[in-house]
Amino acid sequence: MESMGTLIGIMASVCAVVLWLITFHKRFFISLVKTNKVTAYGVYTEWGEACRTHFWFLIKGLLRGKQQQQSSESEREALELQVKEAFHQQFDPNQDGNILITHSCRSIFYYVIRSLLNNAKQRNGNNGNDDSQQQAKIRICLPSVHFGSFYRLLRGMEKSMGCSIEFYEVDFRSQDWTLDQDSVDENEFKKCDLLLCQHFYGLPMKQEKLVKLAKKYNIPILEDCVQSGSLFGTYRGYPDSDIVMYSGGLDKTPPCFGGGFGFFRNTPWGNDMFQYCSAIHNVLPVDTWQSRFMTCVNIMLHIMIAKNSFGFNNLMGLVSYVWVSERGDYINWYAMSLKVRKAKAITPFQHNESGFLRKPSTYQLQSMFHGLSKQNQLRQVAEHERNGRELLLSTIPSQYHHALFPWLTPQAMTDYKKYQGVSEFTWVVSPISDRMHLCQFLNDHFIVSLINTTWEACEKTKLPVGKYINENLIYLPNLNEMDENQIVKVGKVLTLYCQDLEAADEYDFGKAK
């Protein structure tokens, strides 16, 4: 009888705790169960595949022993040649040029900027130590929406080198978010030392007029194709670009667990830049096994978030509820997403110069070679994305399309089919210039979102559209990670959001176009 009483007491205590949890934390459980655990990341490496490839490359290196690792530079160089050939075949085997394989795309960008600073220093008559860019000054023409990683790198170089890097920005057209090339002042443009062509929304951004001006005034052209729709699409950069570069990062294509691919065309600027950039690159130390291992561990954590591996995002939901959510309310998924996105300790990207100023190790080169072999898979992903985008738009009344997706014009939809690319992210914009309001609405309807952290506006910019874009873009769950039912749900929630704005007279969608 005593043991029976003890058992009844324990059961009563458990029931009391459960009742207390349900009573005071009901919304937590509802949010945990009903929320689609799909995040902004589009990741094209499965957890098991990563273990069989990227981590297996590291394990094999460890098993070979330290002594053999140190004597394998010739093996590393031979593997690097294989990666160069694989990239050249994928990029365009008929194009003549030089290829640089680096630790990250950020490395190539850094080399190019160093080259320009060195040229500026020589123009000023300072032929001293190349490592000192004191007082060197360059000017870059680029869109008013900056890639945040590059922007922060440039600001860091100014502080560490004492140089000056100015921007001549080209704003966007408010009606369709394409680059406003007609606004360019030719007299201002010709003062630039570099044209940086960048792309957005997984599509090539039309910049023909800028490219022609750069050729007219003998200004080098660096084209960042990371956001142009993937190396496995049909776009290969402007033929007149001197340098074209791609990233092999976590959510990039090719998916290599890190890496940079630079194609230096056989032009005067392309050849000069290659000589200078390769000179910097060739004297760098090779990345270590330990550093590569930690990079892979961090990337695996983000894969688990992107794929909800082993139900990992349920744990993230619990952490979010305890850390950044109001007790008794729904899990604040978007606040937790921002914490993870900005957490430097677990970032899959190397932001410090000491991290990316290294030559890729044998293990990383093996990963890059593997990533370059995934052409067929990524073409299927591109088709899934195009179908998903059309499905999403079909679930949202057409009068709301322009306010939510200003860039998704009929021409853009045609271009997605033409270039067959893969977008890194799936975006939506806040029509009322209040992205936190939209994030909260999505959160209350069990959809994970995140405010823009990819793009930035220069703190000195006076160009309104670029600033508006940066301040109002929001990541939706990635199209390439959702199934059809989840895509339809997102479309219905966005429709409800627009209908609520209309009912409250907060936005006139009839004037959105």
Protein backbone atom coordinates (compact mmCIF):
# COMPACT_ATOMS: atom_id res chain seq x y z
CA MET A 1 0.00 0.00 0.00
CA GLU A 2 2.84 2.38 0.81
CA SER A 3 4.45 1.85 -2.60
CA MET A 4 1.07 2.34 -4.28
CA GLY A 5 0.65 5.62 -2.44
CA THR A 6 4.12 6.73 -3.52
CA LEU A 7 3.32 5.91 -7.15
CA ILE A 8 0.05 7.83 -6.98
CA GLY A 9 1.90 10.77 -5.47
CA ILE A 10 4.47 10.78 -8.24
CA MET A 11 1.77 10.56 -10.91
CA ALA A 12 -0.14 13.40 -9.28
CA SER A 13 3.00 15.53 -9.23
CA VAL A 14 3.68 14.82 -12.89
CA CYS A 15 0.10 15.68 -13.80
CA ALA A 16 0.34 18.89 -11.80
CA VAL A 17 3.54 19.88 -13.64
CA VAL A 18 1.99 19.03 -17.02
CA LEU A 19 -1.15 20.97 -16.13
CA TRP A 20 0.97 23.94 -15.04
CA LEU A 21 2.97 23.82 -18.29
CA ILE A 22 -0.15 23.61 -20.44
CA THR A 23 -1.87 26.38 -18.48
CA PHE A 24 0.94 28.91 -18.43
CA HIS A 25 3.02 27.86 -21.46
CA LYS A 26 0.35 26.64 -23.85
CA ARG A 27 1.50 28.93 -26.66
CA PHE A 28 5.02 27.53 -26.44
CA PHE A 29 3.78 24.02 -27.16
CA ILE A 30 1.45 25.22 -29.92
CA SER A 31 4.29 27.13 -31.58
CA LEU A 32 6.70 24.23 -31.21
CA VAL A 33 4.28 21.80 -32.87
CA LYS A 34 2.70 23.98 -35.55
CA THR A 35 5.68 26.00 -36.82
CA ASN A 36 7.27 24.81 -40.05
CA LYS A 37 10.90 24.30 -39.06
CA VAL A 38 12.18 25.70 -42.38
CA THR A 39 14.69 28.56 -42.17
CA ALA A 40 16.21 31.05 -44.60
CA TYR A 41 19.09 28.72 -45.48
CA GLY A 42 19.10 26.80 -48.72
CA VAL A 43 21.69 24.06 -48.16
CA TYR A 44 22.42 21.45 -50.82
CA THR A 45 24.45 19.02 -48.74
CA GLU A 46 22.70 16.43 -46.61
CA TRP A 47 23.96 15.60 -43.12
CA GLY A 48 24.95 12.05 -44.09
CA GLU A 49 26.62 13.22 -47.29
CA ALA A 50 28.71 15.70 -45.30
CA CYS A 51 29.91 12.89 -43.03
CA ARG A 52 30.77 10.66 -46.01
CA THR A 53 32.68 13.39 -47.83
CA HIS A 54 33.87 16.53 -46.07
CA PHE A 55 34.48 14.92 -42.68
CA TRP A 56 35.82 11.73 -44.24
CA PHE A 57 38.45 13.80 -46.06
CA LEU A 58 39.55 15.12 -42.66
CA ILE A 59 39.55 11.69 -41.04
CA LYS A 60 41.67 10.20 -43.84
CA GLY A 61 44.14 13.04 -43.40
CA LEU A 62 44.33 12.40 -39.67
CA LEU A 63 44.84 8.68 -40.17
CA ARG A 64 47.74 9.29 -42.54
CA GLY A 65 49.72 10.86 -39.74
CA LYS A 66 51.28 14.24 -39.19
CA GLN A 67 54.59 13.43 -40.86
CA GLN A 68 52.99 12.43 -44.14
CA GLN A 69 50.71 15.48 -44.03
CA GLN A 70 53.70 17.79 -43.86
CA SER A 71 55.35 16.13 -46.87
CA SER A 72 52.28 16.25 -49.08
CA GLU A 73 52.59 19.72 -50.62
CA SER A 74 53.10 18.20 -54.05
CA GLU A 75 49.89 16.22 -53.57
CA ARG A 76 48.07 19.40 -52.56
CA GLU A 77 49.32 21.22 -55.65
CA ALA A 78 48.27 18.34 -57.90
CA LEU A 79 44.80 18.36 -56.34
CA GLU A 80 44.59 22.12 -56.79
CA LEU A 81 45.24 21.65 -60.52
CA GLN A 82 42.38 19.14 -60.65
CA VAL A 83 40.06 21.63 -58.95
CA LYS A 84 41.12 24.35 -61.40
CA GLU A 85 40.39 22.08 -64.34
CA ALA A 86 37.02 21.04 -62.92
CA PHE A 87 36.08 24.69 -62.36
CA HIS A 88 37.25 25.66 -65.84
CA GLN A 89 35.17 22.89 -67.40
CA GLN A 90 32.12 24.01 -65.44
CA PHE A 91 32.66 27.73 -66.03
CA ASP A 92 33.53 27.62 -69.74
CA PRO A 93 36.36 25.48 -71.16
CA ASN A 94 36.43 27.64 -74.29
CA GLN A 95 37.32 30.84 -72.42
CA ASP A 96 40.97 31.75 -72.11
CA GLY A 97 42.18 32.98 -68.75
CA ASN A 98 43.83 32.24 -65.42
CA ILE A 99 42.18 30.61 -62.41
CA LEU A 100 42.80 31.20 -58.72
CA ILE A 101 41.49 28.74 -56.14
CA THR A 102 41.33 30.30 -52.67
CA HIS A 103 40.19 29.70 -49.12
CA SER A 104 37.07 31.81 -49.74
CA CYS A 105 35.62 34.26 -52.24
CA ARG A 106 36.44 36.93 -49.68
CA SER A 107 40.13 36.13 -50.23
CA ILE A 108 39.93 37.03 -53.94
CA PHE A 109 38.12 40.27 -53.16
CA TYR A 110 40.81 41.17 -50.61
CA TYR A 111 43.60 40.48 -53.11
CA VAL A 112 41.96 42.68 -55.76
CA ILE A 113 41.52 45.59 -53.34
CA ARG A 114 45.14 45.25 -52.23
CA SER A 115 46.17 45.40 -55.88
CA LEU A 116 44.19 48.60 -56.44
CA LEU A 117 45.62 50.19 -53.29
CA ASN A 118 49.11 49.33 -54.49
CA ASN A 119 48.38 50.97 -57.87
CA ALA A 120 47.09 54.07 -56.11
CA LYS A 121 50.19 54.23 -53.96
CA GLN A 122 52.42 54.02 -57.03
CA ARG A 123 50.42 56.76 -58.77
CA ASN A 124 51.17 58.96 -55.77
CA GLY A 125 54.88 58.30 -56.19
CA ASN A 126 55.19 56.05 -53.14
CA ASN A 127 57.20 53.01 -54.20
CA GLY A 128 58.07 51.86 -50.72
CA ASN A 129 57.12 48.68 -48.96
CA ASP A 130 54.11 47.06 -50.66
CA ASP A 131 52.73 46.07 -47.26
CA SER A 132 52.04 49.71 -46.42
CA GLN A 133 49.06 51.35 -48.09
CA GLN A 134 49.24 54.47 -45.92
CA GLN A 135 47.22 57.30 -47.47
CA ALA A 136 46.40 55.23 -50.55
CA LYS A 137 42.95 56.15 -51.83
CA ILE A 138 40.68 54.31 -54.25
CA ARG A 139 37.12 54.74 -55.47
CA ILE A 140 34.73 51.89 -56.29
CA CYS A 141 31.59 52.10 -58.40
CA LEU A 142 28.98 49.65 -57.15
CA PRO A 143 25.24 49.33 -56.42
CA SER A 144 23.80 51.24 -53.46
CA VAL A 145 22.97 47.87 -51.88
CA HIS A 146 26.28 46.49 -50.62
CA PHE A 147 27.13 42.89 -49.91
CA GLY A 148 27.58 43.13 -46.15
CA SER A 149 30.62 40.87 -45.86
CA PHE A 150 32.57 42.83 -48.48
CA TYR A 151 31.45 46.16 -47.06
CA ARG A 152 32.69 45.26 -43.59
CA LEU A 153 35.93 43.93 -45.05
CA LEU A 154 36.58 47.24 -46.81
CA ARG A 155 35.91 49.22 -43.65
CA GLY A 156 38.25 46.90 -41.77
CA MET A 157 40.99 47.43 -44.36
CA GLU A 158 40.66 51.20 -43.94
CA LYS A 159 41.26 50.86 -40.21
CA SER A 160 44.10 48.37 -40.42
CA MET A 161 45.93 49.94 -43.38
CA GLY A 162 45.18 53.62 -42.95
CA CYS A 163 43.87 53.80 -46.51
CA SER A 164 40.73 55.44 -47.86
CA ILE A 165 38.07 53.60 -49.88
CA GLU A 166 35.29 55.71 -51.36
CA PHE A 167 32.10 54.60 -53.11
CA TYR A 168 30.36 55.94 -56.16
CA GLU A 169 26.99 54.30 -55.72
CA VAL A 170 24.37 53.58 -58.35
CA ASP A 171 20.84 53.49 -56.96
CA PHE A 172 17.97 51.19 -57.88
CA ARG A 173 14.73 51.95 -59.67
CA SER A 174 11.87 52.06 -57.17
CA GLN A 175 9.37 50.42 -59.52
CA ASP A 176 11.22 47.15 -60.17
CA TRP A 177 14.39 47.24 -58.06
CA THR A 178 16.69 47.02 -61.08
CA LEU A 179 19.82 49.14 -61.29
CA ASP A 180 19.18 52.70 -62.47
CA GLN A 181 22.00 52.88 -65.01
CA ASP A 182 20.64 56.09 -66.55
CA SER A 183 21.35 57.94 -63.30
CA VAL A 184 25.13 57.49 -63.66
CA ASP A 185 27.17 60.68 -63.95
CA GLU A 186 29.91 59.85 -66.46
CA ASN A 187 32.25 62.50 -65.06
CA GLU A 188 31.98 60.93 -61.62
CA PHE A 189 32.22 57.40 -62.95
CA LYS A 190 35.51 57.96 -64.76
CA LYS A 191 37.17 58.88 -61.45
CA CYS A 192 36.63 55.30 -60.19
CA ASP A 193 39.38 52.72 -59.83
CA LEU A 194 37.07 49.69 -60.01
CA LEU A 195 33.64 48.71 -61.23
CA LEU A 196 32.23 46.09 -58.87
CA CYS A 197 29.33 44.30 -60.57
CA GLN A 198 27.07 42.51 -58.12
CA HIS A 199 23.84 40.58 -58.53
CA PHE A 200 20.69 40.08 -56.51
CA TYR A 201 17.67 37.76 -56.05
CA GLY A 202 19.44 34.85 -57.80
CA LEU A 203 19.42 36.70 -61.13
CA PRO A 204 22.07 38.56 -63.14
CA MET A 205 21.58 42.31 -62.66
CA LYS A 206 21.61 44.25 -65.93
CA GLN A 207 24.67 46.53 -65.89
CA GLU A 208 25.66 46.78 -69.57
CA LYS A 209 25.97 50.57 -69.57
CA LEU A 210 28.32 50.52 -66.59
CA VAL A 211 30.44 47.83 -68.21
CA LYS A 212 30.71 49.88 -71.43
CA LEU A 213 31.75 52.96 -69.46
CA ALA A 214 34.39 50.95 -67.62
CA LYS A 215 35.87 49.73 -70.89
CA LYS A 216 35.78 53.28 -72.28
CA TYR A 217 37.79 54.67 -69.36
CA ASN A 218 40.01 51.61 -68.85
CA ILE A 219 38.59 50.81 -65.42
CA PRO A 220 38.97 47.19 -64.26
CA ILE A 221 35.77 45.19 -63.80
CA LEU A 222 35.35 42.70 -60.96
CA GLU A 223 32.11 40.71 -61.21
CA ASP A 224 30.84 38.97 -58.11
CA CYS A 225 28.59 36.17 -59.40
CA VAL A 226 27.77 34.65 -56.01
CA GLN A 227 24.17 35.91 -56.14
CA SER A 228 23.74 35.61 -59.92
CA GLY A 229 22.11 32.19 -59.76
CA SER A 230 24.88 29.61 -59.31
CA LEU A 231 27.87 28.34 -61.24
CA PHE A 232 25.62 25.54 -62.50
CA GLY A 233 23.25 27.93 -64.27
CA THR A 234 23.84 29.38 -67.72
CA TYR A 235 25.17 32.83 -66.75
CA ARG A 236 28.96 33.24 -66.93
CA GLY A 237 29.43 36.92 -66.25
CA TYR A 238 29.78 39.77 -68.69
CA PRO A 239 32.27 38.92 -71.46
CA ASP A 240 34.05 42.22 -70.74
CA SER A 241 34.49 41.55 -67.01
CA ASP A 242 38.18 41.22 -66.19
CA ILE A 243 37.57 39.01 -63.15
CA VAL A 244 34.60 36.77 -62.35
CA MET A 245 34.36 35.12 -58.94
CA TYR A 246 32.17 32.55 -57.22
CA SER A 247 31.87 31.25 -53.67
CA GLY A 248 31.74 27.64 -52.50
CA GLY A 249 30.33 28.45 -49.07
CA LEU A 250 27.70 26.72 -46.94
CA ASP A 251 24.64 27.85 -48.90
CA LYS A 252 26.39 28.74 -52.15
CA THR A 253 26.64 26.89 -55.42
CA PRO A 254 28.88 24.99 -55.83
CA PRO A 255 28.36 23.72 -52.24
CA CYS A 256 31.91 23.02 -51.06
CA PHE A 257 31.94 23.80 -47.33
CA GLY A 258 33.97 26.90 -48.20
CA GLY A 259 36.13 28.05 -51.07
CA GLY A 260 36.69 30.79 -53.63
CA PHE A 261 36.88 30.48 -57.43
CA GLY A 262 38.34 33.35 -59.45
CA PHE A 263 38.50 33.47 -63.25
CA PHE A 264 40.86 36.16 -64.53
CA ARG A 265 40.17 36.77 -68.20
CA ASN A 266 42.93 37.23 -70.73
CA THR A 267 42.69 41.03 -70.72
CA PRO A 268 45.34 43.58 -69.72
CA TRP A 269 43.62 44.17 -66.39
CA GLY A 270 42.82 40.50 -65.92
CA ASN A 271 46.43 39.48 -66.45
CA ASP A 272 47.85 42.26 -64.26
CA MET A 273 45.41 41.49 -61.46
CA PHE A 274 46.15 37.79 -61.65
CA GLN A 275 49.89 38.37 -61.29
CA TYR A 276 49.43 40.57 -58.24
CA CYS A 277 46.71 38.47 -56.61
CA SER A 278 48.56 35.19 -57.13
CA ALA A 279 51.72 36.77 -55.69
CA ILE A 280 49.83 37.54 -52.48
CA HIS A 281 48.14 34.16 -52.45
CA ASN A 282 51.20 32.00 -53.10
CA VAL A 283 53.10 33.16 -50.01
CA LEU A 284 50.23 32.50 -47.61
CA PRO A 285 50.35 29.55 -45.22
CA VAL A 286 48.21 26.51 -45.90
CA ASP A 287 45.11 26.18 -43.74
CA THR A 288 45.54 23.71 -40.87
CA TRP A 289 43.68 20.49 -40.16
CA GLN A 290 42.35 21.93 -36.91
CA SER A 291 41.04 25.08 -38.56
CA ARG A 292 39.36 23.10 -41.33
CA PHE A 293 37.82 20.76 -38.77
CA MET A 294 36.29 23.64 -36.78
CA THR A 295 34.95 25.20 -39.98
CA CYS A 296 33.26 21.92 -40.89
CA VAL A 297 31.81 21.57 -37.38
CA ASN A 298 30.27 25.04 -37.58
CA ILE A 299 28.90 24.33 -41.04
CA MET A 300 27.39 21.05 -39.83
CA LEU A 301 25.57 22.95 -37.09
CA HIS A 302 24.01 25.20 -39.72
CA ILE A 303 23.11 22.20 -41.87
CA MET A 304 21.25 20.74 -38.89
CA ILE A 305 19.34 24.01 -38.58
CA ALA A 306 18.63 24.23 -42.33
CA LYS A 307 17.53 20.60 -42.62
CA ASN A 308 16.08 20.26 -39.10
CA SER A 309 18.28 17.18 -38.77
CA PHE A 310 17.20 14.87 -35.91
CA GLY A 311 14.53 17.44 -35.00
CA PHE A 312 17.29 19.88 -34.03
CA ASN A 313 15.07 22.93 -34.44
CA ASN A 314 12.80 21.68 -31.66
CA LEU A 315 15.78 22.17 -29.34
CA MET A 316 16.37 25.58 -30.92
CA GLY A 317 12.74 26.43 -30.22
CA LEU A 318 13.16 25.56 -26.55
CA VAL A 319 16.33 27.66 -26.33
CA SER A 320 14.55 30.51 -28.09
CA TYR A 321 11.63 30.36 -25.67
CA VAL A 322 13.93 30.50 -22.65
CA TRP A 323 16.36 33.08 -24.10
CA VAL A 324 14.54 35.58 -26.33
CA SER A 325 10.78 34.98 -25.99
CA GLU A 326 8.13 36.32 -23.63
CA ARG A 327 6.92 33.70 -21.16
CA GLY A 328 3.48 32.50 -22.06
CA ASP A 329 3.77 33.75 -25.65
CA TYR A 330 4.72 32.00 -28.89
CA ILE A 331 8.37 31.11 -29.54
CA ASN A 332 10.11 34.13 -31.02
CA TRP A 333 11.65 32.29 -33.95
CA TYR A 334 12.84 35.37 -35.86
CA ALA A 335 14.73 36.77 -32.86
CA MET A 336 16.46 33.42 -32.36
CA SER A 337 17.28 33.24 -36.08
CA LEU A 338 18.97 36.63 -35.82
CA LYS A 339 20.99 35.53 -32.78
CA VAL A 340 22.24 32.45 -34.65
CA ARG A 341 22.92 34.41 -37.84
CA LYS A 342 25.09 36.94 -36.00
CA ALA A 343 26.83 34.56 -33.59
CA LYS A 344 30.51 34.84 -34.51
CA ALA A 345 31.44 31.80 -32.42
CA ILE A 346 29.48 29.47 -34.71
CA THR A 347 29.63 31.35 -37.99
CA PRO A 348 30.37 29.16 -41.04
CA PHE A 349 32.20 32.12 -42.61
CA GLN A 350 35.66 33.47 -41.86
CA HIS A 351 35.44 37.23 -41.29
CA ASN A 352 38.87 37.87 -39.80
CA GLU A 353 41.77 38.32 -42.22
CA SER A 354 43.76 35.69 -40.33
CA GLY A 355 40.98 33.21 -41.12
CA PHE A 356 40.65 33.63 -44.89
CA LEU A 357 44.22 34.70 -45.75
CA ARG A 358 45.34 31.10 -46.13
CA LYS A 359 45.73 28.70 -48.99
CA PRO A 360 43.11 25.93 -49.00
CA SER A 361 44.28 22.68 -47.46
CA THR A 362 44.17 19.30 -49.17
CA TYR A 363 40.98 18.53 -47.24
CA GLN A 364 39.29 21.71 -48.43
CA LEU A 365 40.42 21.12 -52.02
CA GLN A 366 38.86 17.66 -51.86
CA SER A 367 35.62 19.27 -50.68
CA MET A 368 35.78 21.80 -53.51
CA PHE A 369 36.31 19.05 -56.07
CA HIS A 370 33.30 17.22 -54.65
CA GLY A 371 31.15 20.36 -54.74
CA LEU A 372 31.98 20.93 -58.40
CA SER A 373 30.60 17.46 -59.20
CA LYS A 374 27.04 18.27 -58.07
CA GLN A 375 25.86 19.81 -61.33
CA ASN A 376 22.95 17.41 -61.91
CA GLN A 377 21.62 17.80 -58.36
CA LEU A 378 21.72 21.60 -58.54
CA ARG A 379 19.90 21.64 -61.86
CA GLN A 380 17.08 19.71 -60.20
CA VAL A 381 17.15 22.22 -57.33
CA ALA A 382 16.87 25.09 -59.83
CA GLU A 383 13.81 23.49 -61.41
CA HIS A 384 12.25 22.92 -57.97
CA GLU A 385 12.88 26.57 -57.14
CA ARG A 386 11.23 27.87 -60.31
CA ASN A 387 8.18 25.67 -59.73
CA GLY A 388 8.06 26.72 -56.09
CA ARG A 389 8.22 30.41 -56.96
CA GLU A 390 5.37 30.06 -59.43
CA LEU A 391 3.34 28.12 -56.86
CA LEU A 392 3.97 30.77 -54.20
CA LEU A 393 2.80 33.57 -56.50
CA SER A 394 -0.23 31.57 -57.60
CA THR A 395 -1.46 31.38 -53.97
CA ILE A 396 -1.22 35.16 -53.51
CA PRO A 397 -3.70 37.45 -55.32
CA SER A 398 -1.90 39.33 -58.09
CA GLN A 399 -2.71 42.78 -56.66
CA TYR A 400 -0.34 42.01 -53.77
CA HIS A 401 2.61 40.74 -55.84
CA HIS A 402 4.33 44.05 -56.54
CA ALA A 403 4.16 45.27 -52.94
CA LEU A 404 5.64 42.04 -51.59
CA PHE A 405 8.07 41.20 -54.42
CA PRO A 406 8.90 44.36 -56.46
CA TRP A 407 11.67 42.56 -58.38
CA LEU A 408 9.48 39.66 -59.57
CA THR A 409 8.45 41.31 -62.81
CA PRO A 410 7.40 39.30 -65.89
CA GLN A 411 10.90 39.85 -67.26
CA ALA A 412 12.46 38.50 -64.06
CA MET A 413 10.27 35.39 -64.17
CA THR A 414 11.38 34.82 -67.76
CA ASP A 415 15.02 35.31 -66.77
CA TYR A 416 14.76 32.72 -64.01
CA LYS A 417 13.87 30.17 -66.68
CA LYS A 418 16.53 31.46 -69.05
CA TYR A 419 19.46 31.36 -66.61
CA GLN A 420 18.35 28.25 -64.68
CA GLY A 421 20.04 29.44 -61.53
CA VAL A 422 19.60 28.80 -57.81
CA SER A 423 18.84 31.69 -55.46
CA GLU A 424 20.67 31.76 -52.16
CA PHE A 425 17.64 33.19 -50.33
CA THR A 426 13.89 33.70 -50.70
CA TRP A 427 12.95 37.30 -50.00
CA VAL A 428 9.85 39.34 -49.21
CA VAL A 429 9.58 43.06 -48.48
CA SER A 430 7.54 44.92 -45.90
CA PRO A 431 5.12 47.16 -47.84
CA ILE A 432 4.67 49.51 -44.87
CA SER A 433 8.41 49.86 -44.10
CA ASP A 434 8.07 47.92 -40.86
CA ARG A 435 9.88 44.61 -41.22
CA MET A 436 9.55 43.72 -37.54
CA HIS A 437 5.78 43.97 -37.90
CA LEU A 438 5.86 41.50 -40.80
CA CYS A 439 8.27 39.19 -38.96
CA GLN A 440 5.94 39.16 -35.96
CA PHE A 441 2.93 38.44 -38.16
CA LEU A 442 4.73 35.51 -39.79
CA ASN A 443 5.86 34.29 -36.37
CA ASP A 444 2.29 34.39 -35.03
CA HIS A 445 1.26 32.25 -37.99
CA PHE A 446 4.05 29.72 -37.37
CA ILE A 447 6.48 30.71 -40.13
CA VAL A 448 10.17 31.32 -39.44
CA SER A 449 11.52 34.58 -40.87
CA LEU A 450 14.54 36.83 -40.40
CA ILE A 451 15.40 40.44 -41.12
CA ASN A 452 17.99 41.10 -43.83
CA THR A 453 21.60 40.63 -42.72
CA THR A 454 23.12 39.89 -46.15
CA TRP A 455 22.97 43.38 -47.60
CA GLU A 456 23.97 46.72 -46.12
CA ALA A 457 23.72 50.40 -46.98
CA CYS A 458 26.68 52.72 -46.60
CA GLU A 459 26.15 54.90 -43.54
CA LYS A 460 26.82 57.98 -45.70
CA THR A 461 24.51 57.08 -48.57
CA LYS A 462 21.95 59.60 -49.76
CA LEU A 463 20.36 57.23 -52.26
CA PRO A 464 16.83 56.43 -51.05
CA VAL A 465 15.94 53.21 -52.86
CA GLY A 466 19.02 51.24 -51.86
CA LYS A 467 18.56 52.32 -48.26
CA TYR A 468 14.88 51.33 -48.39
CA ILE A 469 15.77 47.90 -49.79
CA ASN A 470 18.30 47.24 -47.05
CA GLU A 471 15.92 48.29 -44.30
CA ASN A 472 12.86 46.36 -45.49
CA LEU A 473 14.00 43.02 -46.93
CA ILE A 474 13.06 39.91 -44.96
CA TYR A 475 14.14 36.30 -45.44
CA LEU A 476 11.28 33.87 -45.93
CA PRO A 477 11.75 30.12 -45.44
CA ASN A 478 13.90 29.01 -48.36
CA LEU A 479 11.92 27.82 -51.37
CA ASN A 480 14.39 25.02 -51.94
CA GLU A 481 13.81 23.59 -48.47
CA MET A 482 9.99 23.69 -48.52
CA ASP A 483 7.54 21.18 -49.91
CA GLU A 484 4.42 22.25 -51.82
CA ASN A 485 2.16 22.32 -48.75
CA GLN A 486 4.60 24.55 -46.89
CA ILE A 487 4.91 26.92 -49.86
CA VAL A 488 1.12 27.19 -50.10
CA LYS A 489 0.96 27.95 -46.37
CA VAL A 490 3.47 30.80 -46.73
CA GLY A 491 1.46 32.21 -49.64
CA LYS A 492 -1.79 32.10 -47.66
CA VAL A 493 -0.22 33.80 -44.65
CA LEU A 494 1.25 36.58 -46.82
CA THR A 495 -2.18 37.02 -48.40
CA LEU A 496 -3.77 37.33 -44.97
CA TYR A 497 -1.11 39.87 -44.00
CA CYS A 498 -1.93 42.05 -47.03
CA GLN A 499 -5.67 41.73 -46.38
CA ASP A 500 -5.16 42.87 -42.78
CA LEU A 501 -3.20 45.92 -44.01
CA GLU A 502 -6.05 46.75 -46.40
CA ALA A 503 -8.71 46.34 -43.73
CA ALA A 504 -6.80 48.68 -41.42
CA ASP A 505 -6.22 51.21 -44.24
CA GLU A 506 -2.47 50.94 -43.65
CA TYR A 507 -1.57 50.35 -47.30
CA ASP A 508 -3.22 50.96 -50.65
CA PHE A 509 -2.23 48.03 -52.85
CA GLY A 510 -3.96 49.64 -55.82
CA LYS A 511 -1.20 52.27 -55.88
CA ALA A 512 1.65 49.84 -55.25
CA LYS A 513 2.54 49.63 -58.94
